[in-house]
Amino acid sequence: MRPLSGLFVVATLSCSTPGATGVPTNQDFQLRVGQSARLDDTDIEIGFQALIGDSRCPRDVMCVQAGNGQVELRIRQGGLDQQVRLNTTDDPRE
């Protein structure tokens, strides 16, 4: 599976789950489906729930359009818990 590059998460929601990996704020990080990360010095946690769709052009192939990758994330902060879908090409992207 190719990483979904270009997804930028602007999150203001989350609570910590045991097993969540701590990651530095304002730095790129990678998650596999089922993994979650807690942003250091915050109570924001982002979990990669599912790859919803991937119509992106394969590497080394010339395509007419770029296609889109869509993921479902779980964003939690304190008592708030929200599912969010983000895209590489279509909106919403952040």
PDB file of N, CA and C in Angstrom:
ATOM      1  N   MET A   1       0.849  -1.183   0.000  1.00  0.00           N
ATOM      2  CA  MET A   1       0.000   0.000   0.000  1.00  0.00           C
ATOM      3  C   MET A   1       0.889   1.238   0.000  1.00  0.00           C
ATOM      4  N   ARG A   2       0.599   2.185  -0.874  1.00  0.00           N
ATOM      5  CA  ARG A   2       1.359   3.435  -0.938  1.00  0.00           C
ATOM      6  C   ARG A   2       0.904   4.357   0.179  1.00  0.00           C
ATOM      7  N   PRO A   3       1.826   5.161   0.757  1.00  0.00           N
ATOM      8  CA  PRO A   3       1.399   6.141   1.762  1.00  0.00           C
ATOM      9  C   PRO A   3       0.560   7.236   1.113  1.00  0.00           C
ATOM     10  N   LEU A   4      -0.367   7.797   1.856  1.00  0.00           N
ATOM     11  CA  LEU A   4      -1.192   8.892   1.349  1.00  0.00           C
ATOM     12  C   LEU A   4      -0.484  10.202   1.641  1.00  0.00           C
ATOM     13  N   SER A   5       0.447  10.567   0.805  1.00  0.00           N
ATOM     14  CA  SER A   5       1.191  11.803   0.973  1.00  0.00           C
ATOM     15  C   SER A   5       0.286  12.987   0.716  1.00  0.00           C
ATOM     16  N   GLY A   6       0.552  14.069   1.400  1.00  0.00           N
ATOM     17  CA  GLY A   6      -0.175  15.294   1.143  1.00  0.00           C
ATOM     18  C   GLY A   6      -1.376  15.495   2.038  1.00  0.00           C
ATOM     19  N   LEU A   7      -1.721  14.508   2.836  1.00  0.00           N
ATOM     20  CA  LEU A   7      -2.826  14.737   3.773  1.00  0.00           C
ATOM     21  C   LEU A   7      -2.292  15.530   4.949  1.00  0.00           C
ATOM     22  N   PHE A   8      -2.915  16.633   5.236  1.00  0.00           N
ATOM     23  CA  PHE A   8      -2.522  17.476   6.358  1.00  0.00           C
ATOM     24  C   PHE A   8      -3.708  17.571   7.288  1.00  0.00           C
ATOM     25  N   VAL A   9      -3.505  17.190   8.519  1.00  0.00           N
ATOM     26  CA  VAL A   9      -4.614  17.158   9.469  1.00  0.00           C
ATOM     27  C   VAL A   9      -4.568  18.393  10.345  1.00  0.00           C
ATOM     28  N   VAL A  10      -5.647  19.153  10.329  1.00  0.00           N
ATOM     29  CA  VAL A  10      -5.816  20.256  11.254  1.00  0.00           C
ATOM     30  C   VAL A  10      -6.861  19.771  12.239  1.00  0.00           C
ATOM     31  N   ALA A  11      -6.413  19.387  13.422  1.00  0.00           N
ATOM     32  CA  ALA A  11      -7.327  18.775  14.384  1.00  0.00           C
ATOM     33  C   ALA A  11      -7.399  19.584  15.659  1.00  0.00           C
ATOM     34  N   THR A  12      -8.588  19.678  16.175  1.00  0.00           N
ATOM     35  CA  THR A  12      -8.766  20.302  17.471  1.00  0.00           C
ATOM     36  C   THR A  12      -9.607  19.402  18.369  1.00  0.00           C
ATOM     37  N   LEU A  13      -9.548  18.086  18.153  1.00  0.00           N
ATOM     38  CA  LEU A  13     -10.316  17.113  18.917  1.00  0.00           C
ATOM     39  C   LEU A  13      -9.442  15.916  19.333  1.00  0.00           C
ATOM     40  N   SER A  14      -9.582  15.260  20.589  1.00  0.00           N
ATOM     41  CA  SER A  14      -9.031  13.925  20.956  1.00  0.00           C
ATOM     42  C   SER A  14      -8.735  13.601  22.428  1.00  0.00           C
ATOM     43  N   CYS A  15      -8.724  12.240  22.950  1.00  0.00           N
ATOM     44  CA  CYS A  15      -8.353  11.753  24.298  1.00  0.00           C
ATOM     45  C   CYS A  15      -7.391  10.592  24.130  1.00  0.00           C
ATOM     46  N   SER A  16      -6.496  10.352  25.055  1.00  0.00           N
ATOM     47  CA  SER A  16      -5.433   9.381  24.838  1.00  0.00           C
ATOM     48  C   SER A  16      -5.878   7.936  25.030  1.00  0.00           C
ATOM     49  N   THR A  17      -5.488   7.086  24.099  1.00  0.00           N
ATOM     50  CA  THR A  17      -5.765   5.666  24.158  1.00  0.00           C
ATOM     51  C   THR A  17      -4.473   4.938  24.474  1.00  0.00           C
ATOM     52  N   PRO A  18      -4.512   3.941  25.369  1.00  0.00           N
ATOM     53  CA  PRO A  18      -3.295   3.180  25.630  1.00  0.00           C
ATOM     54  C   PRO A  18      -2.743   2.597  24.330  1.00  0.00           C
ATOM     55  N   GLY A  19      -1.432   2.665  24.152  1.00  0.00           N
ATOM     56  CA  GLY A  19      -0.810   2.146  22.946  1.00  0.00           C
ATOM     57  C   GLY A  19      -0.628   3.174  21.855  1.00  0.00           C
ATOM     58  N   ALA A  20      -1.161   4.380  22.024  1.00  0.00           N
ATOM     59  CA  ALA A  20      -0.961   5.425  21.022  1.00  0.00           C
ATOM     60  C   ALA A  20       0.494   5.876  21.075  1.00  0.00           C
ATOM     61  N   THR A  21       1.109   5.986  19.918  1.00  0.00           N
ATOM     62  CA  THR A  21       2.491   6.429  19.813  1.00  0.00           C
ATOM     63  C   THR A  21       2.549   7.940  19.949  1.00  0.00           C
ATOM     64  N   GLY A  22       3.499   8.459  20.742  1.00  0.00           N
ATOM     65  CA  GLY A  22       3.690   9.899  20.848  1.00  0.00           C
ATOM     66  C   GLY A  22       4.468  10.411  19.650  1.00  0.00           C
ATOM     67  N   VAL A  23       4.024  11.512  19.057  1.00  0.00           N
ATOM     68  CA  VAL A  23       4.712  12.111  17.912  1.00  0.00           C
ATOM     69  C   VAL A  23       4.883  13.607  18.151  1.00  0.00           C
ATOM     70  N   PRO A  24       5.987  14.190  17.660  1.00  0.00           N
ATOM     71  CA  PRO A  24       6.189  15.630  17.815  1.00  0.00           C
ATOM     72  C   PRO A  24       5.132  16.428  17.055  1.00  0.00           C
ATOM     73  N   THR A  25       4.688  17.523  17.633  1.00  0.00           N
ATOM     74  CA  THR A  25       3.739  18.413  16.987  1.00  0.00           C
ATOM     75  C   THR A  25       4.435  19.117  15.831  1.00  0.00           C
ATOM     76  N   ASN A  26       3.718  19.394  14.756  1.00  0.00           N
ATOM     77  CA  ASN A  26       4.216  20.100  13.567  1.00  0.00           C
ATOM     78  C   ASN A  26       5.286  19.325  12.804  1.00  0.00           C
ATOM     79  N   GLN A  27       5.253  17.984  12.884  1.00  0.00           N
ATOM     80  CA  GLN A  27       6.158  17.151  12.090  1.00  0.00           C
ATOM     81  C   GLN A  27       5.345  16.052  11.419  1.00  0.00           C
ATOM     82  N   ASP A  28       5.769  15.666  10.210  1.00  0.00           N
ATOM     83  CA  ASP A  28       5.104  14.575   9.509  1.00  0.00           C
ATOM     84  C   ASP A  28       5.288  13.271  10.271  1.00  0.00           C
ATOM     85  N   PHE A  29       4.294  12.393  10.203  1.00  0.00           N
ATOM     86  CA  PHE A  29       4.402  11.052  10.767  1.00  0.00           C
ATOM     87  C   PHE A  29       3.528  10.118   9.953  1.00  0.00           C
ATOM     88  N   GLN A  30       3.777   8.822  10.075  1.00  0.00           N
ATOM     89  CA  GLN A  30       3.020   7.830   9.318  1.00  0.00           C
ATOM     90  C   GLN A  30       2.263   6.923  10.263  1.00  0.00           C
ATOM     91  N   LEU A  31       1.065   6.516   9.838  1.00  0.00           N
ATOM     92  CA  LEU A  31       0.260   5.559  10.586  1.00  0.00           C
ATOM     93  C   LEU A  31      -0.215   4.473   9.632  1.00  0.00           C
ATOM     94  N   ARG A  32      -0.292   3.254  10.118  1.00  0.00           N
ATOM     95  CA  ARG A  32      -0.915   2.158   9.383  1.00  0.00           C
ATOM     96  C   ARG A  32      -2.359   2.053   9.849  1.00  0.00           C
ATOM     97  N   VAL A  33      -3.195   1.395   9.054  1.00  0.00           N
ATOM     98  CA  VAL A  33      -4.585   1.195   9.452  1.00  0.00           C
ATOM     99  C   VAL A  33      -4.606   0.530  10.833  1.00  0.00           C
ATOM    100  N   GLY A  34      -5.405   1.096  11.730  1.00  0.00           N
ATOM    101  CA  GLY A  34      -5.523   0.575  13.090  1.00  0.00           C
ATOM    102  C   GLY A  34      -4.586   1.226  14.089  1.00  0.00           C
ATOM    103  N   GLN A  35      -3.599   1.974  13.635  1.00  0.00           N
ATOM    104  CA  GLN A  35      -2.671   2.650  14.539  1.00  0.00           C
ATOM    105  C   GLN A  35      -3.179   4.039  14.892  1.00  0.00           C
ATOM    106  N   SER A  36      -2.709   4.548  16.033  1.00  0.00           N
ATOM    107  CA  SER A  36      -3.036   5.915  16.425  1.00  0.00           C
ATOM    108  C   SER A  36      -1.798   6.582  16.995  1.00  0.00           C
ATOM    109  N   ALA A  37      -1.831   7.907  16.997  1.00  0.00           N
ATOM    110  CA  ALA A  37      -0.714   8.695  17.518  1.00  0.00           C
ATOM    111  C   ALA A  37      -1.269   9.833  18.365  1.00  0.00           C
ATOM    112  N   ARG A  38      -0.565  10.130  19.445  1.00  0.00           N
ATOM    113  CA  ARG A  38      -0.907  11.258  20.307  1.00  0.00           C
ATOM    114  C   ARG A  38       0.123  12.346  20.049  1.00  0.00           C
ATOM    115  N   LEU A  39      -0.349  13.563  19.766  1.00  0.00           N
ATOM    116  CA  LEU A  39       0.566  14.682  19.538  1.00  0.00           C
ATOM    117  C   LEU A  39       1.186  15.093  20.864  1.00  0.00           C
ATOM    118  N   ASP A  40       2.523  15.115  20.924  1.00  0.00           N
ATOM    119  CA  ASP A  40       3.243  15.461  22.151  1.00  0.00           C
ATOM    120  C   ASP A  40       2.754  16.784  22.731  1.00  0.00           C
ATOM    121  N   ASP A  41       2.724  16.845  24.044  1.00  0.00           N
ATOM    122  CA  ASP A  41       2.333  18.047  24.794  1.00  0.00           C
ATOM    123  C   ASP A  41       0.902  18.486  24.502  1.00  0.00           C
ATOM    124  N   THR A  42       0.047  17.573  24.041  1.00  0.00           N
ATOM    125  CA  THR A  42      -1.370  17.861  23.828  1.00  0.00           C
ATOM    126  C   THR A  42      -2.175  16.643  24.273  1.00  0.00           C
ATOM    127  N   ASP A  43      -3.481  16.778  24.288  1.00  0.00           N
ATOM    128  CA  ASP A  43      -4.335  15.609  24.518  1.00  0.00           C
ATOM    129  C   ASP A  43      -5.036  15.210  23.218  1.00  0.00           C
ATOM    130  N   ILE A  44      -4.431  15.557  22.079  1.00  0.00           N
ATOM    131  CA  ILE A  44      -4.992  15.249  20.761  1.00  0.00           C
ATOM    132  C   ILE A  44      -4.443  13.911  20.280  1.00  0.00           C
ATOM    133  N   GLU A  45      -5.361  13.029  19.893  1.00  0.00           N
ATOM    134  CA  GLU A  45      -4.987  11.729  19.346  1.00  0.00           C
ATOM    135  C   GLU A  45      -5.636  11.548  17.985  1.00  0.00           C
ATOM    136  N   ILE A  46      -4.855  11.039  17.024  1.00  0.00           N
ATOM    137  CA  ILE A  46      -5.331  10.795  15.669  1.00  0.00           C
ATOM    138  C   ILE A  46      -5.167   9.316  15.382  1.00  0.00           C
ATOM    139  N   GLY A  47      -6.252   8.653  14.976  1.00  0.00           N
ATOM    140  CA  GLY A  47      -6.203   7.236  14.641  1.00  0.00           C
ATOM    141  C   GLY A  47      -6.565   7.016  13.183  1.00  0.00           C
ATOM    142  N   PHE A  48      -5.805   6.158  12.505  1.00  0.00           N
ATOM    143  CA  PHE A  48      -6.072   5.819  11.101  1.00  0.00           C
ATOM    144  C   PHE A  48      -7.057   4.656  11.105  1.00  0.00           C
ATOM    145  N   GLN A  49      -8.320   4.942  10.800  1.00  0.00           N
ATOM    146  CA  GLN A  49      -9.383   3.946  10.858  1.00  0.00           C
ATOM    147  C   GLN A  49      -9.431   3.067   9.603  1.00  0.00           C
ATOM    148  N   ALA A  50      -9.405   3.698   8.415  1.00  0.00           N
ATOM    149  CA  ALA A  50      -9.584   2.917   7.190  1.00  0.00           C
ATOM    150  C   ALA A  50      -9.145   3.692   5.961  1.00  0.00           C
ATOM    151  N   LEU A  51      -8.738   2.951   4.945  1.00  0.00           N
ATOM    152  CA  LEU A  51      -8.541   3.495   3.608  1.00  0.00           C
ATOM    153  C   LEU A  51      -9.879   3.312   2.902  1.00  0.00           C
ATOM    154  N   ILE A  52     -10.564   4.406   2.618  1.00  0.00           N
ATOM    155  CA  ILE A  52     -11.907   4.353   2.040  1.00  0.00           C
ATOM    156  C   ILE A  52     -11.852   4.131   0.530  1.00  0.00           C
ATOM    157  N   GLY A  53     -10.938   4.812  -0.139  1.00  0.00           N
ATOM    158  CA  GLY A  53     -10.820   4.671  -1.584  1.00  0.00           C
ATOM    159  C   GLY A  53      -9.462   5.136  -2.066  1.00  0.00           C
ATOM    160  N   ASP A  54      -8.991   4.560  -3.180  1.00  0.00           N
ATOM    161  CA  ASP A  54      -7.708   4.960  -3.739  1.00  0.00           C
ATOM    162  C   ASP A  54      -7.762   4.809  -5.256  1.00  0.00           C
ATOM    163  N   SER A  55      -8.026   5.907  -5.942  1.00  0.00           N
ATOM    164  CA  SER A  55      -8.063   5.905  -7.404  1.00  0.00           C
ATOM    165  C   SER A  55      -6.862   6.658  -7.978  1.00  0.00           C
ATOM    166  N   ARG A  56      -5.810   6.830  -7.135  1.00  0.00           N
ATOM    167  CA  ARG A  56      -4.626   7.562  -7.587  1.00  0.00           C
ATOM    168  C   ARG A  56      -3.896   6.795  -8.686  1.00  0.00           C
ATOM    169  N   CYS A  57      -3.223   7.531  -9.525  1.00  0.00           N
ATOM    170  CA  CYS A  57      -2.459   6.966 -10.623  1.00  0.00           C
ATOM    171  C   CYS A  57      -1.261   6.186 -10.066  1.00  0.00           C
ATOM    172  N   PRO A  58      -1.052   4.931 -10.523  1.00  0.00           N
ATOM    173  CA  PRO A  58       0.110   4.164 -10.062  1.00  0.00           C
ATOM    174  C   PRO A  58       1.422   4.843 -10.470  1.00  0.00           C
ATOM    175  N   ARG A  59       2.480   4.551  -9.734  1.00  0.00           N
ATOM    176  CA  ARG A  59       3.807   5.090 -10.081  1.00  0.00           C
ATOM    177  C   ARG A  59       4.211   4.566 -11.456  1.00  0.00           C
ATOM    178  N   ASP A  60       5.007   5.350 -12.155  1.00  0.00           N
ATOM    179  CA  ASP A  60       5.553   4.989 -13.468  1.00  0.00           C
ATOM    180  C   ASP A  60       4.480   4.753 -14.535  1.00  0.00           C
ATOM    181  N   VAL A  61       3.296   5.338 -14.360  1.00  0.00           N
ATOM    182  CA  VAL A  61       2.223   5.229 -15.348  1.00  0.00           C
ATOM    183  C   VAL A  61       1.741   6.637 -15.660  1.00  0.00           C
ATOM    184  N   MET A  62       1.501   6.930 -16.951  1.00  0.00           N
ATOM    185  CA  MET A  62       0.975   8.232 -17.316  1.00  0.00           C
ATOM    186  C   MET A  62      -0.548   8.163 -17.284  1.00  0.00           C
ATOM    187  N   CYS A  63      -1.161   9.004 -16.475  1.00  0.00           N
ATOM    188  CA  CYS A  63      -2.619   9.013 -16.329  1.00  0.00           C
ATOM    189  C   CYS A  63      -3.186  10.356 -16.775  1.00  0.00           C
ATOM    190  N   VAL A  64      -4.442  10.343 -17.187  1.00  0.00           N
ATOM    191  CA  VAL A  64      -5.116  11.559 -17.620  1.00  0.00           C
ATOM    192  C   VAL A  64      -5.411  12.450 -16.421  1.00  0.00           C
ATOM    193  N   GLN A  65      -5.753  11.855 -15.289  1.00  0.00           N
ATOM    194  CA  GLN A  65      -5.976  12.646 -14.075  1.00  0.00           C
ATOM    195  C   GLN A  65      -5.319  11.953 -12.892  1.00  0.00           C
ATOM    196  N   ALA A  66      -5.038  12.734 -11.856  1.00  0.00           N
ATOM    197  CA  ALA A  66      -4.272  12.233 -10.712  1.00  0.00           C
ATOM    198  C   ALA A  66      -5.042  11.215  -9.878  1.00  0.00           C
ATOM    199  N   GLY A  67      -6.360  11.305  -9.821  1.00  0.00           N
ATOM    200  CA  GLY A  67      -7.145  10.426  -8.962  1.00  0.00           C
ATOM    201  C   GLY A  67      -7.181  10.961  -7.538  1.00  0.00           C
ATOM    202  N   ASN A  68      -7.739  10.186  -6.630  1.00  0.00           N
ATOM    203  CA  ASN A  68      -7.916  10.631  -5.249  1.00  0.00           C
ATOM    204  C   ASN A  68      -7.716   9.467  -4.295  1.00  0.00           C
ATOM    205  N   GLY A  69      -7.119   9.749  -3.164  1.00  0.00           N
ATOM    206  CA  GLY A  69      -7.038   8.802  -2.058  1.00  0.00           C
ATOM    207  C   GLY A  69      -7.861   9.361  -0.912  1.00  0.00           C
ATOM    208  N   GLN A  70      -8.670   8.518  -0.258  1.00  0.00           N
ATOM    209  CA  GLN A  70      -9.493   8.988   0.861  1.00  0.00           C
ATOM    210  C   GLN A  70      -9.290   8.064   2.060  1.00  0.00           C
ATOM    211  N   VAL A  71      -9.063   8.685   3.218  1.00  0.00           N
ATOM    212  CA  VAL A  71      -8.896   7.941   4.465  1.00  0.00           C
ATOM    213  C   VAL A  71      -9.915   8.401   5.493  1.00  0.00           C
ATOM    214  N   GLU A  72     -10.212   7.510   6.434  1.00  0.00           N
ATOM    215  CA  GLU A  72     -11.065   7.869   7.555  1.00  0.00           C
ATOM    216  C   GLU A  72     -10.193   7.895   8.806  1.00  0.00           C
ATOM    217  N   LEU A  73     -10.224   9.017   9.511  1.00  0.00           N
ATOM    218  CA  LEU A  73      -9.456   9.204  10.724  1.00  0.00           C
ATOM    219  C   LEU A  73     -10.393   9.353  11.909  1.00  0.00           C
ATOM    220  N   ARG A  74      -9.911   8.974  13.074  1.00  0.00           N
ATOM    221  CA  ARG A  74     -10.635   9.210  14.324  1.00  0.00           C
ATOM    222  C   ARG A  74      -9.820  10.241  15.088  1.00  0.00           C
ATOM    223  N   ILE A  75     -10.444  11.360  15.392  1.00  0.00           N
ATOM    224  CA  ILE A  75      -9.786  12.463  16.088  1.00  0.00           C
ATOM    225  C   ILE A  75     -10.426  12.582  17.466  1.00  0.00           C
ATOM    226  N   ARG A  76      -9.592  12.547  18.503  1.00  0.00           N
ATOM    227  CA  ARG A  76     -10.135  12.650  19.863  1.00  0.00           C
ATOM    228  C   ARG A  76      -9.351  13.679  20.681  1.00  0.00           C
ATOM    229  N   GLN A  77     -10.101  14.402  21.525  1.00  0.00           N
ATOM    230  CA  GLN A  77      -9.505  15.349  22.468  1.00  0.00           C
ATOM    231  C   GLN A  77     -10.447  15.441  23.656  1.00  0.00           C
ATOM    232  N   GLY A  78      -9.902  15.202  24.848  1.00  0.00           N
ATOM    233  CA  GLY A  78     -10.748  15.221  26.031  1.00  0.00           C
ATOM    234  C   GLY A  78     -11.890  14.246  25.867  1.00  0.00           C
ATOM    235  N   GLY A  79     -13.123  14.692  26.071  1.00  0.00           N
ATOM    236  CA  GLY A  79     -14.287  13.835  25.916  1.00  0.00           C
ATOM    237  C   GLY A  79     -14.875  13.833  24.523  1.00  0.00           C
ATOM    238  N   LEU A  80     -14.293  14.582  23.592  1.00  0.00           N
ATOM    239  CA  LEU A  80     -14.816  14.654  22.226  1.00  0.00           C
ATOM    240  C   LEU A  80     -14.194  13.566  21.357  1.00  0.00           C
ATOM    241  N   ASP A  81     -14.989  12.991  20.487  1.00  0.00           N
ATOM    242  CA  ASP A  81     -14.544  11.908  19.612  1.00  0.00           C
ATOM    243  C   ASP A  81     -15.252  12.090  18.269  1.00  0.00           C
ATOM    244  N   GLN A  82     -14.478  12.202  17.179  1.00  0.00           N
ATOM    245  CA  GLN A  82     -15.074  12.494  15.875  1.00  0.00           C
ATOM    246  C   GLN A  82     -14.400  11.678  14.783  1.00  0.00           C
ATOM    247  N   GLN A  83     -15.195  11.162  13.824  1.00  0.00           N
ATOM    248  CA  GLN A  83     -14.688  10.508  12.632  1.00  0.00           C
ATOM    249  C   GLN A  83     -14.585  11.564  11.534  1.00  0.00           C
ATOM    250  N   VAL A  84     -13.475  11.564  10.790  1.00  0.00           N
ATOM    251  CA  VAL A  84     -13.231  12.548   9.742  1.00  0.00           C
ATOM    252  C   VAL A  84     -12.724  11.817   8.506  1.00  0.00           C
ATOM    253  N   ARG A  85     -13.205  12.210   7.330  1.00  0.00           N
ATOM    254  CA  ARG A  85     -12.675  11.677   6.072  1.00  0.00           C
ATOM    255  C   ARG A  85     -11.909  12.781   5.366  1.00  0.00           C
ATOM    256  N   LEU A  86     -10.664  12.453   4.960  1.00  0.00           N
ATOM    257  CA  LEU A  86      -9.809  13.403   4.260  1.00  0.00           C
ATOM    258  C   LEU A  86      -9.364  12.819   2.933  1.00  0.00           C
ATOM    259  N   ASN A  87      -9.054  13.705   1.998  1.00  0.00           N
ATOM    260  CA  ASN A  87      -8.700  13.332   0.630  1.00  0.00           C
ATOM    261  C   ASN A  87      -7.349  13.901   0.231  1.00  0.00           C
ATOM    262  N   THR A  88      -6.731  13.282  -0.792  1.00  0.00           N
ATOM    263  CA  THR A  88      -5.491  13.814  -1.340  1.00  0.00           C
ATOM    264  C   THR A  88      -5.746  14.860  -2.411  1.00  0.00           C
ATOM    265  N   THR A  89      -6.865  14.724  -3.156  1.00  0.00           N
ATOM    266  CA  THR A  89      -7.172  15.642  -4.252  1.00  0.00           C
ATOM    267  C   THR A  89      -8.488  16.378  -4.034  1.00  0.00           C
ATOM    268  N   ASP A  90      -9.554  15.638  -3.742  1.00  0.00           N
ATOM    269  CA  ASP A  90     -10.870  16.228  -3.535  1.00  0.00           C
ATOM    270  C   ASP A  90     -10.942  16.914  -2.165  1.00  0.00           C
ATOM    271  N   ASP A  91     -12.016  17.682  -1.946  1.00  0.00           N
ATOM    272  CA  ASP A  91     -12.235  18.295  -0.642  1.00  0.00           C
ATOM    273  C   ASP A  91     -13.072  17.347   0.215  1.00  0.00           C
ATOM    274  N   PRO A  92     -12.937  17.352   1.513  1.00  0.00           N
ATOM    275  CA  PRO A  92     -11.994  18.136   2.307  1.00  0.00           C
ATOM    276  C   PRO A  92     -10.604  17.492   2.327  1.00  0.00           C
ATOM    277  N   ARG A  93      -9.585  18.342   2.337  1.00  0.00           N
ATOM    278  CA  ARG A  93      -8.197  17.884   2.399  1.00  0.00           C
ATOM    279  C   ARG A  93      -7.524  18.214   3.720  1.00  0.00           C
ATOM    280  N   GLU A  94      -8.141  19.071   4.525  1.00  0.00           N
ATOM    281  CA  GLU A  94      -7.560  19.411   5.822  1.00  0.00           C
ATOM    282  C   GLU A  94      -8.640  19.632   6.835  1.00  0.00           C
TER     283      GLU A  94
END
